[in-house]
Amino acid sequence: MSRGILKRSVMIAGHRTSVTLEEPFWTVLREIAAARSLSVAALIGEIDGARDGQNLSSAIRVFVLESVRAP
């Protein structure tokens, strides 16, 4: 069962950037953002600010994974 890779453009830190993630990651990222009363772009901005040089798409995947594994 393949769930495609989706590329989306988001505005973070005052500039547009493209983020490529698998569909399930986008779905969970939207759920996390909604639970925190944030837009997806705002949540990505927070992740971007904390990633310390890591690739943004990878940082988002790790964030999502850590979020779903947290108690």
PDB file of N, CA and C in Angstrom:
ATOM      1  N   MET A   1       0.839  -1.163   0.000  1.00  0.00           N
ATOM      2  CA  MET A   1       0.000   0.000   0.000  1.00  0.00           C
ATOM      3  C   MET A   1       0.893   1.237   0.000  1.00  0.00           C
ATOM      4  N   SER A   2       1.021   1.873  -1.120  1.00  0.00           N
ATOM      5  CA  SER A   2       1.860   3.058  -1.244  1.00  0.00           C
ATOM      6  C   SER A   2       1.051   4.315  -0.998  1.00  0.00           C
ATOM      7  N   ARG A   3       1.562   5.139  -0.134  1.00  0.00           N
ATOM      8  CA  ARG A   3       0.961   6.445   0.111  1.00  0.00           C
ATOM      9  C   ARG A   3       1.976   7.451  -0.352  1.00  0.00           C
ATOM     10  N   GLY A   4       1.638   8.176  -1.386  1.00  0.00           N
ATOM     11  CA  GLY A   4       2.581   9.029  -2.068  1.00  0.00           C
ATOM     12  C   GLY A   4       3.334  10.031  -1.230  1.00  0.00           C
ATOM     13  N   ILE A   5       4.386  10.507  -1.825  1.00  0.00           N
ATOM     14  CA  ILE A   5       5.191  11.566  -1.243  1.00  0.00           C
ATOM     15  C   ILE A   5       4.622  12.881  -1.759  1.00  0.00           C
ATOM     16  N   LEU A   6       4.375  13.797  -0.824  1.00  0.00           N
ATOM     17  CA  LEU A   6       3.772  15.076  -1.173  1.00  0.00           C
ATOM     18  C   LEU A   6       4.744  16.207  -0.873  1.00  0.00           C
ATOM     19  N   LYS A   7       4.891  17.100  -1.832  1.00  0.00           N
ATOM     20  CA  LYS A   7       5.740  18.269  -1.663  1.00  0.00           C
ATOM     21  C   LYS A   7       4.822  19.463  -1.477  1.00  0.00           C
ATOM     22  N   ARG A   8       5.050  20.209  -0.384  1.00  0.00           N
ATOM     23  CA  ARG A   8       4.221  21.381  -0.104  1.00  0.00           C
ATOM     24  C   ARG A   8       5.126  22.571   0.144  1.00  0.00           C
ATOM     25  N   SER A   9       4.640  23.725  -0.235  1.00  0.00           N
ATOM     26  CA  SER A   9       5.348  24.969   0.010  1.00  0.00           C
ATOM     27  C   SER A   9       4.790  25.596   1.278  1.00  0.00           C
ATOM     28  N   VAL A  10       5.665  26.003   2.180  1.00  0.00           N
ATOM     29  CA  VAL A  10       5.242  26.647   3.425  1.00  0.00           C
ATOM     30  C   VAL A  10       6.090  27.895   3.660  1.00  0.00           C
ATOM     31  N   MET A  11       5.507  28.845   4.394  1.00  0.00           N
ATOM     32  CA  MET A  11       6.219  30.064   4.756  1.00  0.00           C
ATOM     33  C   MET A  11       6.736  29.895   6.179  1.00  0.00           C
ATOM     34  N   ILE A  12       8.045  29.929   6.335  1.00  0.00           N
ATOM     35  CA  ILE A  12       8.640  29.871   7.675  1.00  0.00           C
ATOM     36  C   ILE A  12       9.753  30.910   7.755  1.00  0.00           C
ATOM     37  N   ALA A  13       9.837  31.553   8.888  1.00  0.00           N
ATOM     38  CA  ALA A  13      10.873  32.566   9.129  1.00  0.00           C
ATOM     39  C   ALA A  13      10.915  33.609   8.009  1.00  0.00           C
ATOM     40  N   GLY A  14       9.731  33.950   7.490  1.00  0.00           N
ATOM     41  CA  GLY A  14       9.645  34.997   6.477  1.00  0.00           C
ATOM     42  C   GLY A  14      10.021  34.600   5.066  1.00  0.00           C
ATOM     43  N   HIS A  15      10.243  33.330   4.823  1.00  0.00           N
ATOM     44  CA  HIS A  15      10.539  32.899   3.450  1.00  0.00           C
ATOM     45  C   HIS A  15       9.819  31.593   3.124  1.00  0.00           C
ATOM     46  N   ARG A  16       9.589  31.400   1.840  1.00  0.00           N
ATOM     47  CA  ARG A  16       8.939  30.171   1.375  1.00  0.00           C
ATOM     48  C   ARG A  16       9.985  29.081   1.216  1.00  0.00           C
ATOM     49  N   THR A  17       9.582  27.894   1.603  1.00  0.00           N
ATOM     50  CA  THR A  17      10.428  26.722   1.402  1.00  0.00           C
ATOM     51  C   THR A  17       9.532  25.539   1.064  1.00  0.00           C
ATOM     52  N   SER A  18      10.091  24.562   0.413  1.00  0.00           N
ATOM     53  CA  SER A  18       9.339  23.356   0.083  1.00  0.00           C
ATOM     54  C   SER A  18       9.704  22.254   1.059  1.00  0.00           C
ATOM     55  N   VAL A  19       8.693  21.512   1.466  1.00  0.00           N
ATOM     56  CA  VAL A  19       8.892  20.381   2.371  1.00  0.00           C
ATOM     57  C   VAL A  19       8.289  19.155   1.703  1.00  0.00           C
ATOM     58  N   THR A  20       9.058  18.096   1.631  1.00  0.00           N
ATOM     59  CA  THR A  20       8.612  16.849   1.020  1.00  0.00           C
ATOM     60  C   THR A  20       8.499  15.793   2.105  1.00  0.00           C
ATOM     61  N   LEU A  21       7.273  15.284   2.278  1.00  0.00           N
ATOM     62  CA  LEU A  21       7.001  14.247   3.273  1.00  0.00           C
ATOM     63  C   LEU A  21       6.023  13.237   2.704  1.00  0.00           C
ATOM     64  N   GLU A  22       6.057  12.051   3.252  1.00  0.00           N
ATOM     65  CA  GLU A  22       5.059  11.047   2.911  1.00  0.00           C
ATOM     66  C   GLU A  22       3.706  11.477   3.484  1.00  0.00           C
ATOM     67  N   GLU A  23       2.650  11.102   2.794  1.00  0.00           N
ATOM     68  CA  GLU A  23       1.296  11.493   3.174  1.00  0.00           C
ATOM     69  C   GLU A  23       0.965  11.234   4.651  1.00  0.00           C
ATOM     70  N   PRO A  24       1.323  10.066   5.215  1.00  0.00           N
ATOM     71  CA  PRO A  24       0.993   9.846   6.633  1.00  0.00           C
ATOM     72  C   PRO A  24       1.653  10.860   7.569  1.00  0.00           C
ATOM     73  N   PHE A  25       2.856  11.317   7.238  1.00  0.00           N
ATOM     74  CA  PHE A  25       3.500  12.328   8.069  1.00  0.00           C
ATOM     75  C   PHE A  25       2.748  13.657   8.000  1.00  0.00           C
ATOM     76  N   TRP A  26       2.284  14.038   6.808  1.00  0.00           N
ATOM     77  CA  TRP A  26       1.480  15.264   6.695  1.00  0.00           C
ATOM     78  C   TRP A  26       0.212  15.151   7.528  1.00  0.00           C
ATOM     79  N   THR A  27      -0.417  13.991   7.475  1.00  0.00           N
ATOM     80  CA  THR A  27      -1.663  13.787   8.222  1.00  0.00           C
ATOM     81  C   THR A  27      -1.444  13.964   9.718  1.00  0.00           C
ATOM     82  N   VAL A  28      -0.428  13.306  10.257  1.00  0.00           N
ATOM     83  CA  VAL A  28      -0.166  13.394  11.691  1.00  0.00           C
ATOM     84  C   VAL A  28       0.326  14.792  12.059  1.00  0.00           C
ATOM     85  N   LEU A  29       1.109  15.418  11.206  1.00  0.00           N
ATOM     86  CA  LEU A  29       1.569  16.781  11.467  1.00  0.00           C
ATOM     87  C   LEU A  29       0.380  17.732  11.589  1.00  0.00           C
ATOM     88  N   ARG A  30      -0.614  17.579  10.714  1.00  0.00           N
ATOM     89  CA  ARG A  30      -1.834  18.402  10.808  1.00  0.00           C
ATOM     90  C   ARG A  30      -2.569  18.135  12.117  1.00  0.00           C
ATOM     91  N   GLU A  31      -2.637  16.878  12.529  1.00  0.00           N
ATOM     92  CA  GLU A  31      -3.312  16.535  13.788  1.00  0.00           C
ATOM     93  C   GLU A  31      -2.598  17.153  14.988  1.00  0.00           C
ATOM     94  N   ILE A  32      -1.274  17.090  14.988  1.00  0.00           N
ATOM     95  CA  ILE A  32      -0.500  17.676  16.086  1.00  0.00           C
ATOM     96  C   ILE A  32      -0.707  19.194  16.115  1.00  0.00           C
ATOM     97  N   ALA A  33      -0.643  19.821  14.948  1.00  0.00           N
ATOM     98  CA  ALA A  33      -0.839  21.273  14.875  1.00  0.00           C
ATOM     99  C   ALA A  33      -2.217  21.652  15.408  1.00  0.00           C
ATOM    100  N   ALA A  34      -3.242  20.932  15.006  1.00  0.00           N
ATOM    101  CA  ALA A  34      -4.602  21.223  15.463  1.00  0.00           C
ATOM    102  C   ALA A  34      -4.721  21.052  16.975  1.00  0.00           C
ATOM    103  N   ALA A  35      -4.108  20.011  17.519  1.00  0.00           N
ATOM    104  CA  ALA A  35      -4.163  19.763  18.959  1.00  0.00           C
ATOM    105  C   ALA A  35      -3.481  20.873  19.743  1.00  0.00           C
ATOM    106  N   ARG A  36      -2.523  21.546  19.109  1.00  0.00           N
ATOM    107  CA  ARG A  36      -1.800  22.639  19.770  1.00  0.00           C
ATOM    108  C   ARG A  36      -2.345  24.012  19.378  1.00  0.00           C
ATOM    109  N   SER A  37      -3.445  24.007  18.636  1.00  0.00           N
ATOM    110  CA  SER A  37      -4.058  25.260  18.146  1.00  0.00           C
ATOM    111  C   SER A  37      -3.067  26.097  17.339  1.00  0.00           C
ATOM    112  N   LEU A  38      -2.313  25.422  16.485  1.00  0.00           N
ATOM    113  CA  LEU A  38      -1.345  26.069  15.608  1.00  0.00           C
ATOM    114  C   LEU A  38      -1.662  25.742  14.161  1.00  0.00           C
ATOM    115  N   SER A  39      -1.207  26.584  13.274  1.00  0.00           N
ATOM    116  CA  SER A  39      -1.252  26.219  11.869  1.00  0.00           C
ATOM    117  C   SER A  39      -0.101  25.248  11.609  1.00  0.00           C
ATOM    118  N   VAL A  40      -0.193  24.518  10.522  1.00  0.00           N
ATOM    119  CA  VAL A  40       0.900  23.606  10.166  1.00  0.00           C
ATOM    120  C   VAL A  40       2.177  24.410   9.934  1.00  0.00           C
ATOM    121  N   ALA A  41       2.056  25.566   9.290  1.00  0.00           N
ATOM    122  CA  ALA A  41       3.232  26.400   9.030  1.00  0.00           C
ATOM    123  C   ALA A  41       3.874  26.861  10.332  1.00  0.00           C
ATOM    124  N   ALA A  42       3.059  27.224  11.321  1.00  0.00           N
ATOM    125  CA  ALA A  42       3.614  27.655  12.618  1.00  0.00           C
ATOM    126  C   ALA A  42       4.329  26.504  13.304  1.00  0.00           C
ATOM    127  N   LEU A  43       3.752  25.322  13.251  1.00  0.00           N
ATOM    128  CA  LEU A  43       4.393  24.161  13.857  1.00  0.00           C
ATOM    129  C   LEU A  43       5.704  23.833  13.142  1.00  0.00           C
ATOM    130  N   ILE A  44       5.690  23.889  11.821  1.00  0.00           N
ATOM    131  CA  ILE A  44       6.923  23.651  11.065  1.00  0.00           C
ATOM    132  C   ILE A  44       7.964  24.713  11.424  1.00  0.00           C
ATOM    133  N   GLY A  45       7.522  25.942  11.646  1.00  0.00           N
ATOM    134  CA  GLY A  45       8.439  27.000  12.062  1.00  0.00           C
ATOM    135  C   GLY A  45       9.106  26.672  13.384  1.00  0.00           C
ATOM    136  N   GLU A  46       8.348  26.115  14.331  1.00  0.00           N
ATOM    137  CA  GLU A  46       8.920  25.704  15.612  1.00  0.00           C
ATOM    138  C   GLU A  46       9.935  24.585  15.430  1.00  0.00           C
ATOM    139  N   ILE A  47       9.578  23.622  14.596  1.00  0.00           N
ATOM    140  CA  ILE A  47      10.488  22.503  14.319  1.00  0.00           C
ATOM    141  C   ILE A  47      11.757  23.031  13.652  1.00  0.00           C
ATOM    142  N   ASP A  48      11.584  23.945  12.705  1.00  0.00           N
ATOM    143  CA  ASP A  48      12.712  24.539  11.990  1.00  0.00           C
ATOM    144  C   ASP A  48      13.655  25.244  12.958  1.00  0.00           C
ATOM    145  N   GLY A  49      13.101  25.956  13.918  1.00  0.00           N
ATOM    146  CA  GLY A  49      13.926  26.680  14.867  1.00  0.00           C
ATOM    147  C   GLY A  49      14.728  25.801  15.800  1.00  0.00           C
ATOM    148  N   ALA A  50      14.298  24.551  15.959  1.00  0.00           N
ATOM    149  CA  ALA A  50      14.957  23.649  16.895  1.00  0.00           C
ATOM    150  C   ALA A  50      15.793  22.568  16.213  1.00  0.00           C
ATOM    151  N   ARG A  51      15.901  22.596  14.908  1.00  0.00           N
ATOM    152  CA  ARG A  51      16.494  21.446  14.216  1.00  0.00           C
ATOM    153  C   ARG A  51      18.013  21.418  14.180  1.00  0.00           C
ATOM    154  N   ASP A  52      18.683  22.501  14.483  1.00  0.00           N
ATOM    155  CA  ASP A  52      20.140  22.507  14.619  1.00  0.00           C
ATOM    156  C   ASP A  52      20.864  21.926  13.401  1.00  0.00           C
ATOM    157  N   GLY A  53      20.519  22.424  12.223  1.00  0.00           N
ATOM    158  CA  GLY A  53      21.228  22.020  11.011  1.00  0.00           C
ATOM    159  C   GLY A  53      20.734  20.759  10.329  1.00  0.00           C
ATOM    160  N   GLN A  54      19.850  20.022  10.980  1.00  0.00           N
ATOM    161  CA  GLN A  54      19.299  18.797  10.383  1.00  0.00           C
ATOM    162  C   GLN A  54      18.397  19.165   9.202  1.00  0.00           C
ATOM    163  N   ASN A  55      18.339  18.315   8.219  1.00  0.00           N
ATOM    164  CA  ASN A  55      17.428  18.494   7.095  1.00  0.00           C
ATOM    165  C   ASN A  55      16.010  18.687   7.629  1.00  0.00           C
ATOM    166  N   LEU A  56      15.268  19.678   7.097  1.00  0.00           N
ATOM    167  CA  LEU A  56      13.949  20.007   7.629  1.00  0.00           C
ATOM    168  C   LEU A  56      12.968  18.846   7.517  1.00  0.00           C
ATOM    169  N   SER A  57      12.917  18.191   6.389  1.00  0.00           N
ATOM    170  CA  SER A  57      11.994  17.058   6.244  1.00  0.00           C
ATOM    171  C   SER A  57      12.312  15.955   7.249  1.00  0.00           C
ATOM    172  N   SER A  58      13.590  15.685   7.449  1.00  0.00           N
ATOM    173  CA  SER A  58      13.989  14.680   8.440  1.00  0.00           C
ATOM    174  C   SER A  58      13.615  15.129   9.842  1.00  0.00           C
ATOM    175  N   ALA A  59      13.827  16.402  10.143  1.00  0.00           N
ATOM    176  CA  ALA A  59      13.487  16.932  11.464  1.00  0.00           C
ATOM    177  C   ALA A  59      11.987  16.796  11.733  1.00  0.00           C
ATOM    178  N   ILE A  60      11.180  17.021  10.707  1.00  0.00           N
ATOM    179  CA  ILE A  60       9.729  16.879  10.864  1.00  0.00           C
ATOM    180  C   ILE A  60       9.364  15.426  11.121  1.00  0.00           C
ATOM    181  N   ARG A  61       9.958  14.505  10.382  1.00  0.00           N
ATOM    182  CA  ARG A  61       9.667  13.083  10.591  1.00  0.00           C
ATOM    183  C   ARG A  61      10.029  12.655  12.022  1.00  0.00           C
ATOM    184  N   VAL A  62      11.190  13.084  12.496  1.00  0.00           N
ATOM    185  CA  VAL A  62      11.618  12.738  13.855  1.00  0.00           C
ATOM    186  C   VAL A  62      10.667  13.357  14.874  1.00  0.00           C
ATOM    187  N   PHE A  63      10.267  14.613  14.661  1.00  0.00           N
ATOM    188  CA  PHE A  63       9.325  15.281  15.554  1.00  0.00           C
ATOM    189  C   PHE A  63       8.009  14.508  15.625  1.00  0.00           C
ATOM    190  N   VAL A  64       7.485  14.123  14.473  1.00  0.00           N
ATOM    191  CA  VAL A  64       6.225  13.369  14.436  1.00  0.00           C
ATOM    192  C   VAL A  64       6.387  12.040  15.172  1.00  0.00           C
ATOM    193  N   LEU A  65       7.459  11.334  14.895  1.00  0.00           N
ATOM    194  CA  LEU A  65       7.713  10.066  15.559  1.00  0.00           C
ATOM    195  C   LEU A  65       7.792  10.234  17.070  1.00  0.00           C
ATOM    196  N   GLU A  66       8.563  11.219  17.517  1.00  0.00           N
ATOM    197  CA  GLU A  66       8.686  11.453  18.959  1.00  0.00           C
ATOM    198  C   GLU A  66       7.343  11.853  19.570  1.00  0.00           C
ATOM    199  N   SER A  67       6.539  12.599  18.837  1.00  0.00           N
ATOM    200  CA  SER A  67       5.235  13.039  19.343  1.00  0.00           C
ATOM    201  C   SER A  67       4.278  11.869  19.523  1.00  0.00           C
ATOM    202  N   VAL A  68       4.271  10.948  18.593  1.00  0.00           N
ATOM    203  CA  VAL A  68       3.346   9.815  18.710  1.00  0.00           C
ATOM    204  C   VAL A  68       3.836   8.775  19.706  1.00  0.00           C
ATOM    205  N   ARG A  69       5.126   8.778  20.000  1.00  0.00           N
ATOM    206  CA  ARG A  69       5.671   7.827  20.965  1.00  0.00           C
ATOM    207  C   ARG A  69       5.643   8.377  22.387  1.00  0.00           C
ATOM    208  N   ALA A  70       5.442   9.689  22.535  1.00  0.00           N
ATOM    209  CA  ALA A  70       5.435  10.301  23.872  1.00  0.00           C
ATOM    210  C   ALA A  70       4.203   9.837  24.653  1.00  0.00           C
ATOM    211  N   PRO A  71       4.393   9.631  25.964  1.00  0.00           N
ATOM    212  CA  PRO A  71       3.260   9.185  26.796  1.00  0.00           C
ATOM    213  C   PRO A  71       2.184  10.245  26.939  1.00  0.00           C
TER     214      PRO A  71
END
